[in-house]
Amino acid sequence: MQKPSLGRVVLALVEPTTNGGADIAPAVVVRVGAAHDDGSHTVNVKADLDSSTSPKWMTGVRLCPDEETARAYDGAAAFWPPRAR
């Protein structure tokens, strides 16, 4: 799994009602926290929502390797975007 660092873009799971109906929003890593035994990390992110509200600051977010793992996590989660081909 990739290691997070400041400024990296990830995809955060958010409440659709705050994001123009979409449950995924791009987010920038603003702090890197603890690494976990499964290779994931805890990060803080600033999510850019598709709405007239200000960005959403999210703390204690589990950064997962993929969307499926993020959706299975019981809590705030984000995942790496798929690689461009």
PDB file of N, CA and C in Angstrom:
ATOM      1  N   MET A   1       0.839  -1.181   0.000  1.00  0.00           N
ATOM      2  CA  MET A   1       0.000   0.000   0.000  1.00  0.00           C
ATOM      3  C   MET A   1       0.884   1.244   0.000  1.00  0.00           C
ATOM      4  N   GLN A   2       0.412   2.293  -0.627  1.00  0.00           N
ATOM      5  CA  GLN A   2       1.133   3.561  -0.649  1.00  0.00           C
ATOM      6  C   GLN A   2       1.190   4.152   0.753  1.00  0.00           C
ATOM      7  N   LYS A   3       2.224   4.940   1.009  1.00  0.00           N
ATOM      8  CA  LYS A   3       2.320   5.635   2.286  1.00  0.00           C
ATOM      9  C   LYS A   3       1.825   7.059   2.102  1.00  0.00           C
ATOM     10  N   PRO A   4       0.982   7.527   3.015  1.00  0.00           N
ATOM     11  CA  PRO A   4       0.469   8.892   2.900  1.00  0.00           C
ATOM     12  C   PRO A   4       1.541   9.921   3.237  1.00  0.00           C
ATOM     13  N   SER A   5       1.406  11.086   2.635  1.00  0.00           N
ATOM     14  CA  SER A   5       2.267  12.224   2.959  1.00  0.00           C
ATOM     15  C   SER A   5       1.449  13.492   2.751  1.00  0.00           C
ATOM     16  N   LEU A   6       1.912  14.584   3.337  1.00  0.00           N
ATOM     17  CA  LEU A   6       1.184  15.844   3.245  1.00  0.00           C
ATOM     18  C   LEU A   6       0.979  16.256   1.792  1.00  0.00           C
ATOM     19  N   GLY A   7      -0.231  16.720   1.497  1.00  0.00           N
ATOM     20  CA  GLY A   7      -0.542  17.212   0.164  1.00  0.00           C
ATOM     21  C   GLY A   7      -1.033  16.175  -0.818  1.00  0.00           C
ATOM     22  N   ARG A   8      -0.977  14.893  -0.462  1.00  0.00           N
ATOM     23  CA  ARG A   8      -1.460  13.851  -1.376  1.00  0.00           C
ATOM     24  C   ARG A   8      -2.983  13.903  -1.470  1.00  0.00           C
ATOM     25  N   VAL A   9      -3.502  13.608  -2.635  1.00  0.00           N
ATOM     26  CA  VAL A   9      -4.950  13.593  -2.855  1.00  0.00           C
ATOM     27  C   VAL A   9      -5.460  12.170  -2.677  1.00  0.00           C
ATOM     28  N   VAL A  10      -6.522  12.049  -1.884  1.00  0.00           N
ATOM     29  CA  VAL A  10      -7.203  10.777  -1.678  1.00  0.00           C
ATOM     30  C   VAL A  10      -8.692  11.008  -1.934  1.00  0.00           C
ATOM     31  N   LEU A  11      -9.466   9.945  -1.896  1.00  0.00           N
ATOM     32  CA  LEU A  11     -10.917  10.053  -2.057  1.00  0.00           C
ATOM     33  C   LEU A  11     -11.572   9.699  -0.725  1.00  0.00           C
ATOM     34  N   ALA A  12     -12.348  10.629  -0.172  1.00  0.00           N
ATOM     35  CA  ALA A  12     -12.979  10.437   1.133  1.00  0.00           C
ATOM     36  C   ALA A  12     -14.448  10.082   0.972  1.00  0.00           C
ATOM     37  N   LEU A  13     -14.925   9.204   1.826  1.00  0.00           N
ATOM     38  CA  LEU A  13     -16.345   8.887   1.873  1.00  0.00           C
ATOM     39  C   LEU A  13     -17.033   9.968   2.704  1.00  0.00           C
ATOM     40  N   VAL A  14     -18.043  10.608   2.115  1.00  0.00           N
ATOM     41  CA  VAL A  14     -18.737  11.717   2.780  1.00  0.00           C
ATOM     42  C   VAL A  14     -20.245  11.511   2.688  1.00  0.00           C
ATOM     43  N   GLU A  15     -20.965  12.319   3.433  1.00  0.00           N
ATOM     44  CA  GLU A  15     -22.432  12.280   3.407  1.00  0.00           C
ATOM     45  C   GLU A  15     -22.921  12.871   2.078  1.00  0.00           C
ATOM     46  N   PRO A  16     -23.680  12.115   1.281  1.00  0.00           N
ATOM     47  CA  PRO A  16     -24.132  12.601  -0.026  1.00  0.00           C
ATOM     48  C   PRO A  16     -24.920  13.910   0.032  1.00  0.00           C
ATOM     49  N   THR A  17     -25.669  14.127   1.108  1.00  0.00           N
ATOM     50  CA  THR A  17     -26.478  15.347   1.185  1.00  0.00           C
ATOM     51  C   THR A  17     -25.622  16.608   1.293  1.00  0.00           C
ATOM     52  N   THR A  18     -24.368  16.456   1.676  1.00  0.00           N
ATOM     53  CA  THR A  18     -23.468  17.611   1.767  1.00  0.00           C
ATOM     54  C   THR A  18     -22.575  17.741   0.542  1.00  0.00           C
ATOM     55  N   ASN A  19     -22.732  16.820  -0.418  1.00  0.00           N
ATOM     56  CA  ASN A  19     -21.821  16.759  -1.549  1.00  0.00           C
ATOM     57  C   ASN A  19     -22.550  16.599  -2.875  1.00  0.00           C
ATOM     58  N   GLY A  20     -23.632  17.308  -3.065  1.00  0.00           N
ATOM     59  CA  GLY A  20     -24.353  17.263  -4.334  1.00  0.00           C
ATOM     60  C   GLY A  20     -24.847  15.888  -4.716  1.00  0.00           C
ATOM     61  N   GLY A  21     -25.090  15.025  -3.724  1.00  0.00           N
ATOM     62  CA  GLY A  21     -25.603  13.687  -3.983  1.00  0.00           C
ATOM     63  C   GLY A  21     -24.547  12.603  -4.115  1.00  0.00           C
ATOM     64  N   ALA A  22     -23.284  12.958  -4.224  1.00  0.00           N
ATOM     65  CA  ALA A  22     -22.210  11.966  -4.354  1.00  0.00           C
ATOM     66  C   ALA A  22     -21.648  11.620  -2.978  1.00  0.00           C
ATOM     67  N   ASP A  23     -21.300  10.348  -2.772  1.00  0.00           N
ATOM     68  CA  ASP A  23     -20.772   9.950  -1.469  1.00  0.00           C
ATOM     69  C   ASP A  23     -19.246   9.873  -1.438  1.00  0.00           C
ATOM     70  N   ILE A  24     -18.589  10.338  -2.493  1.00  0.00           N
ATOM     71  CA  ILE A  24     -17.124  10.371  -2.558  1.00  0.00           C
ATOM     72  C   ILE A  24     -16.695  11.779  -2.946  1.00  0.00           C
ATOM     73  N   ALA A  25     -15.684  12.299  -2.250  1.00  0.00           N
ATOM     74  CA  ALA A  25     -15.159  13.627  -2.554  1.00  0.00           C
ATOM     75  C   ALA A  25     -13.631  13.592  -2.523  1.00  0.00           C
ATOM     76  N   PRO A  26     -12.976  14.362  -3.394  1.00  0.00           N
ATOM     77  CA  PRO A  26     -11.519  14.444  -3.313  1.00  0.00           C
ATOM     78  C   PRO A  26     -11.128  15.151  -2.026  1.00  0.00           C
ATOM     79  N   ALA A  27     -10.016  14.718  -1.449  1.00  0.00           N
ATOM     80  CA  ALA A  27      -9.546  15.301  -0.192  1.00  0.00           C
ATOM     81  C   ALA A  27      -8.027  15.352  -0.194  1.00  0.00           C
ATOM     82  N   VAL A  28      -7.490  16.356   0.467  1.00  0.00           N
ATOM     83  CA  VAL A  28      -6.035  16.531   0.577  1.00  0.00           C
ATOM     84  C   VAL A  28      -5.606  16.121   1.983  1.00  0.00           C
ATOM     85  N   VAL A  29      -4.551  15.319   2.075  1.00  0.00           N
ATOM     86  CA  VAL A  29      -4.006  14.909   3.368  1.00  0.00           C
ATOM     87  C   VAL A  29      -3.323  16.122   4.007  1.00  0.00           C
ATOM     88  N   VAL A  30      -3.757  16.483   5.221  1.00  0.00           N
ATOM     89  CA  VAL A  30      -3.176  17.627   5.931  1.00  0.00           C
ATOM     90  C   VAL A  30      -2.382  17.202   7.157  1.00  0.00           C
ATOM     91  N   ARG A  31      -2.522  15.953   7.571  1.00  0.00           N
ATOM     92  CA  ARG A  31      -1.728  15.416   8.675  1.00  0.00           C
ATOM     93  C   ARG A  31      -1.724  13.904   8.572  1.00  0.00           C
ATOM     94  N   VAL A  32      -0.559  13.318   8.806  1.00  0.00           N
ATOM     95  CA  VAL A  32      -0.414  11.867   8.790  1.00  0.00           C
ATOM     96  C   VAL A  32      -0.272  11.394  10.231  1.00  0.00           C
ATOM     97  N   GLY A  33      -1.107  10.437  10.592  1.00  0.00           N
ATOM     98  CA  GLY A  33      -1.089   9.911  11.959  1.00  0.00           C
ATOM     99  C   GLY A  33      -0.468   8.524  12.004  1.00  0.00           C
ATOM    100  N   ALA A  34      -1.027   7.692  12.838  1.00  0.00           N
ATOM    101  CA  ALA A  34      -0.487   6.373  13.123  1.00  0.00           C
ATOM    102  C   ALA A  34      -0.622   5.402  11.958  1.00  0.00           C
ATOM    103  N   ALA A  35       0.353   4.511  11.873  1.00  0.00           N
ATOM    104  CA  ALA A  35       0.285   3.377  10.949  1.00  0.00           C
ATOM    105  C   ALA A  35      -0.342   2.214  11.716  1.00  0.00           C
ATOM    106  N   HIS A  36      -1.113   1.380  11.018  1.00  0.00           N
ATOM    107  CA  HIS A  36      -1.772   0.240  11.646  1.00  0.00           C
ATOM    108  C   HIS A  36      -1.157  -1.054  11.140  1.00  0.00           C
ATOM    109  N   ASP A  37      -1.384  -2.137  11.873  1.00  0.00           N
ATOM    110  CA  ASP A  37      -0.792  -3.432  11.534  1.00  0.00           C
ATOM    111  C   ASP A  37      -1.176  -3.925  10.149  1.00  0.00           C
ATOM    112  N   ASP A  38      -2.351  -3.532   9.655  1.00  0.00           N
ATOM    113  CA  ASP A  38      -2.802  -3.992   8.336  1.00  0.00           C
ATOM    114  C   ASP A  38      -2.227  -3.157   7.188  1.00  0.00           C
ATOM    115  N   GLY A  39      -1.350  -2.180   7.508  1.00  0.00           N
ATOM    116  CA  GLY A  39      -0.738  -1.349   6.471  1.00  0.00           C
ATOM    117  C   GLY A  39      -1.466  -0.049   6.214  1.00  0.00           C
ATOM    118  N   SER A  40      -2.647   0.122   6.810  1.00  0.00           N
ATOM    119  CA  SER A  40      -3.381   1.372   6.639  1.00  0.00           C
ATOM    120  C   SER A  40      -2.829   2.427   7.596  1.00  0.00           C
ATOM    121  N   HIS A  41      -3.246   3.665   7.393  1.00  0.00           N
ATOM    122  CA  HIS A  41      -2.821   4.781   8.248  1.00  0.00           C
ATOM    123  C   HIS A  41      -4.035   5.578   8.684  1.00  0.00           C
ATOM    124  N   THR A  42      -3.861   6.342   9.754  1.00  0.00           N
ATOM    125  CA  THR A  42      -4.854   7.333  10.147  1.00  0.00           C
ATOM    126  C   THR A  42      -4.356   8.688   9.657  1.00  0.00           C
ATOM    127  N   VAL A  43      -5.245   9.453   9.010  1.00  0.00           N
ATOM    128  CA  VAL A  43      -4.876  10.762   8.472  1.00  0.00           C
ATOM    129  C   VAL A  43      -5.968  11.774   8.794  1.00  0.00           C
ATOM    130  N   ASN A  44      -5.622  13.037   8.693  1.00  0.00           N
ATOM    131  CA  ASN A  44      -6.601  14.123   8.690  1.00  0.00           C
ATOM    132  C   ASN A  44      -6.631  14.662   7.273  1.00  0.00           C
ATOM    133  N   VAL A  45      -7.825  14.996   6.792  1.00  0.00           N
ATOM    134  CA  VAL A  45      -7.964  15.476   5.418  1.00  0.00           C
ATOM    135  C   VAL A  45      -8.888  16.689   5.350  1.00  0.00           C
ATOM    136  N   LYS A  46      -8.761  17.433   4.270  1.00  0.00           N
ATOM    137  CA  LYS A  46      -9.688  18.511   3.937  1.00  0.00           C
ATOM    138  C   LYS A  46     -10.383  18.093   2.648  1.00  0.00           C
ATOM    139  N   ALA A  47     -11.670  17.767   2.749  1.00  0.00           N
ATOM    140  CA  ALA A  47     -12.431  17.289   1.599  1.00  0.00           C
ATOM    141  C   ALA A  47     -13.065  18.475   0.874  1.00  0.00           C
ATOM    142  N   ASP A  48     -12.970  18.479  -0.444  1.00  0.00           N
ATOM    143  CA  ASP A  48     -13.593  19.514  -1.273  1.00  0.00           C
ATOM    144  C   ASP A  48     -14.949  19.016  -1.741  1.00  0.00           C
ATOM    145  N   LEU A  49     -15.997  19.557  -1.132  1.00  0.00           N
ATOM    146  CA  LEU A  49     -17.355  19.119  -1.425  1.00  0.00           C
ATOM    147  C   LEU A  49     -17.928  19.838  -2.631  1.00  0.00           C
ATOM    148  N   ASP A  50     -18.824  19.161  -3.353  1.00  0.00           N
ATOM    149  CA  ASP A  50     -19.510  19.734  -4.510  1.00  0.00           C
ATOM    150  C   ASP A  50     -20.778  20.419  -4.032  1.00  0.00           C
ATOM    151  N   SER A  51     -20.589  21.513  -3.322  1.00  0.00           N
ATOM    152  CA  SER A  51     -21.724  22.274  -2.806  1.00  0.00           C
ATOM    153  C   SER A  51     -21.240  23.675  -2.473  1.00  0.00           C
ATOM    154  N   SER A  52     -22.148  24.504  -2.038  1.00  0.00           N
ATOM    155  CA  SER A  52     -21.783  25.880  -1.709  1.00  0.00           C
ATOM    156  C   SER A  52     -21.206  26.004  -0.309  1.00  0.00           C
ATOM    157  N   THR A  53     -21.111  24.890   0.406  1.00  0.00           N
ATOM    158  CA  THR A  53     -20.542  24.933   1.753  1.00  0.00           C
ATOM    159  C   THR A  53     -19.025  24.971   1.678  1.00  0.00           C
ATOM    160  N   SER A  54     -18.403  25.304   2.782  1.00  0.00           N
ATOM    161  CA  SER A  54     -16.942  25.323   2.828  1.00  0.00           C
ATOM    162  C   SER A  54     -16.405  23.891   2.857  1.00  0.00           C
ATOM    163  N   PRO A  55     -15.095  23.718   2.640  1.00  0.00           N
ATOM    164  CA  PRO A  55     -14.528  22.365   2.679  1.00  0.00           C
ATOM    165  C   PRO A  55     -14.809  21.690   4.023  1.00  0.00           C
ATOM    166  N   LYS A  56     -14.834  20.393   4.001  1.00  0.00           N
ATOM    167  CA  LYS A  56     -15.091  19.620   5.219  1.00  0.00           C
ATOM    168  C   LYS A  56     -13.758  19.111   5.770  1.00  0.00           C
ATOM    169  N   TRP A  57     -13.473  19.474   7.001  1.00  0.00           N
ATOM    170  CA  TRP A  57     -12.271  18.987   7.683  1.00  0.00           C
ATOM    171  C   TRP A  57     -12.628  17.688   8.375  1.00  0.00           C
ATOM    172  N   MET A  58     -11.861  16.643   8.114  1.00  0.00           N
ATOM    173  CA  MET A  58     -12.131  15.327   8.687  1.00  0.00           C
ATOM    174  C   MET A  58     -10.885  14.852   9.422  1.00  0.00           C
ATOM    175  N   THR A  59     -11.057  14.421  10.676  1.00  0.00           N
ATOM    176  CA  THR A  59      -9.936  13.947  11.473  1.00  0.00           C
ATOM    177  C   THR A  59     -10.108  12.471  11.798  1.00  0.00           C
ATOM    178  N   GLY A  60      -9.010  11.807  12.065  1.00  0.00           N
ATOM    179  CA  GLY A  60      -9.060  10.399  12.431  1.00  0.00           C
ATOM    180  C   GLY A  60      -9.610   9.514  11.337  1.00  0.00           C
ATOM    181  N   VAL A  61      -9.270   9.823  10.093  1.00  0.00           N
ATOM    182  CA  VAL A  61      -9.779   9.084   8.937  1.00  0.00           C
ATOM    183  C   VAL A  61      -8.864   7.893   8.653  1.00  0.00           C
ATOM    184  N   ARG A  62      -9.463   6.715   8.486  1.00  0.00           N
ATOM    185  CA  ARG A  62      -8.670   5.534   8.144  1.00  0.00           C
ATOM    186  C   ARG A  62      -8.430   5.552   6.634  1.00  0.00           C
ATOM    187  N   LEU A  63      -7.176   5.595   6.230  1.00  0.00           N
ATOM    188  CA  LEU A  63      -6.814   5.587   4.814  1.00  0.00           C
ATOM    189  C   LEU A  63      -6.612   4.145   4.373  1.00  0.00           C
ATOM    190  N   CYS A  64      -7.527   3.666   3.545  1.00  0.00           N
ATOM    191  CA  CYS A  64      -7.557   2.269   3.090  1.00  0.00           C
ATOM    192  C   CYS A  64      -6.950   2.153   1.694  1.00  0.00           C
ATOM    193  N   PRO A  65      -6.543   0.947   1.309  1.00  0.00           N
ATOM    194  CA  PRO A  65      -5.910   0.780  -0.003  1.00  0.00           C
ATOM    195  C   PRO A  65      -6.870   0.895  -1.180  1.00  0.00           C
ATOM    196  N   ASP A  66      -8.179   0.656  -0.948  1.00  0.00           N
ATOM    197  CA  ASP A  66      -9.133   0.696  -2.053  1.00  0.00           C
ATOM    198  C   ASP A  66     -10.531   1.030  -1.540  1.00  0.00           C
ATOM    199  N   GLU A  67     -11.436   1.305  -2.473  1.00  0.00           N
ATOM    200  CA  GLU A  67     -12.794   1.714  -2.118  1.00  0.00           C
ATOM    201  C   GLU A  67     -13.540   0.626  -1.359  1.00  0.00           C
ATOM    202  N   GLU A  68     -13.399  -0.611  -1.763  1.00  0.00           N
ATOM    203  CA  GLU A  68     -14.118  -1.708  -1.107  1.00  0.00           C
ATOM    204  C   GLU A  68     -13.746  -1.799   0.378  1.00  0.00           C
ATOM    205  N   THR A  69     -12.467  -1.699   0.674  1.00  0.00           N
ATOM    206  CA  THR A  69     -12.010  -1.761   2.063  1.00  0.00           C
ATOM    207  C   THR A  69     -12.501  -0.546   2.845  1.00  0.00           C
ATOM    208  N   ALA A  70     -12.493   0.626   2.214  1.00  0.00           N
ATOM    209  CA  ALA A  70     -12.955   1.844   2.882  1.00  0.00           C
ATOM    210  C   ALA A  70     -14.441   1.735   3.225  1.00  0.00           C
ATOM    211  N   ARG A  71     -15.237   1.216   2.308  1.00  0.00           N
ATOM    212  CA  ARG A  71     -16.678   1.093   2.556  1.00  0.00           C
ATOM    213  C   ARG A  71     -16.982   0.063   3.646  1.00  0.00           C
ATOM    214  N   ALA A  72     -16.119  -0.927   3.809  1.00  0.00           N
ATOM    215  CA  ALA A  72     -16.326  -1.955   4.834  1.00  0.00           C
ATOM    216  C   ALA A  72     -15.896  -1.465   6.218  1.00  0.00           C
ATOM    217  N   TYR A  73     -15.094  -0.414   6.277  1.00  0.00           N
ATOM    218  CA  TYR A  73     -14.612   0.107   7.555  1.00  0.00           C
ATOM    219  C   TYR A  73     -15.743   0.823   8.287  1.00  0.00           C
ATOM    220  N   ASP A  74     -15.863   0.595   9.576  1.00  0.00           N
ATOM    221  CA  ASP A  74     -16.925   1.203  10.386  1.00  0.00           C
ATOM    222  C   ASP A  74     -16.408   2.494  11.010  1.00  0.00           C
ATOM    223  N   GLY A  75     -16.433   3.563  10.232  1.00  0.00           N
ATOM    224  CA  GLY A  75     -15.955   4.857  10.690  1.00  0.00           C
ATOM    225  C   GLY A  75     -15.567   5.712   9.499  1.00  0.00           C
ATOM    226  N   ALA A  76     -14.987   6.879   9.783  1.00  0.00           N
ATOM    227  CA  ALA A  76     -14.553   7.763   8.693  1.00  0.00           C
ATOM    228  C   ALA A  76     -13.439   7.089   7.907  1.00  0.00           C
ATOM    229  N   ALA A  77     -13.587   7.076   6.583  1.00  0.00           N
ATOM    230  CA  ALA A  77     -12.615   6.365   5.758  1.00  0.00           C
ATOM    231  C   ALA A  77     -12.354   7.111   4.455  1.00  0.00           C
ATOM    232  N   ALA A  78     -11.175   6.860   3.923  1.00  0.00           N
ATOM    233  CA  ALA A  78     -10.771   7.380   2.620  1.00  0.00           C
ATOM    234  C   ALA A  78      -9.962   6.288   1.934  1.00  0.00           C
ATOM    235  N   PHE A  79      -9.728   6.477   0.644  1.00  0.00           N
ATOM    236  CA  PHE A  79      -8.964   5.474  -0.095  1.00  0.00           C
ATOM    237  C   PHE A  79      -8.178   6.153  -1.202  1.00  0.00           C
ATOM    238  N   TRP A  80      -7.170   5.441  -1.680  1.00  0.00           N
ATOM    239  CA  TRP A  80      -6.357   5.960  -2.782  1.00  0.00           C
ATOM    240  C   TRP A  80      -7.159   5.913  -4.068  1.00  0.00           C
ATOM    241  N   PRO A  81      -7.069   6.954  -4.896  1.00  0.00           N
ATOM    242  CA  PRO A  81      -7.768   6.905  -6.188  1.00  0.00           C
ATOM    243  C   PRO A  81      -7.129   5.838  -7.076  1.00  0.00           C
ATOM    244  N   PRO A  82      -7.910   5.278  -7.988  1.00  0.00           N
ATOM    245  CA  PRO A  82      -7.319   4.299  -8.900  1.00  0.00           C
ATOM    246  C   PRO A  82      -6.243   4.972  -9.754  1.00  0.00           C
ATOM    247  N   ARG A  83      -5.253   4.212 -10.125  1.00  0.00           N
ATOM    248  CA  ARG A  83      -4.178   4.740 -10.956  1.00  0.00           C
ATOM    249  C   ARG A  83      -4.688   5.022 -12.378  1.00  0.00           C
ATOM    250  N   ALA A  84      -4.265   6.131 -12.935  1.00  0.00           N
ATOM    251  CA  ALA A  84      -4.624   6.456 -14.312  1.00  0.00           C
ATOM    252  C   ALA A  84      -3.894   5.501 -15.248  1.00  0.00           C
ATOM    253  N   ARG A  85      -4.551   5.122 -16.308  1.00  0.00           N
ATOM    254  CA  ARG A  85      -3.910   4.207 -17.272  1.00  0.00           C
ATOM    255  C   ARG A  85      -3.740   4.904 -18.596  1.00  0.00           C
TER     256      ARG A  85
END
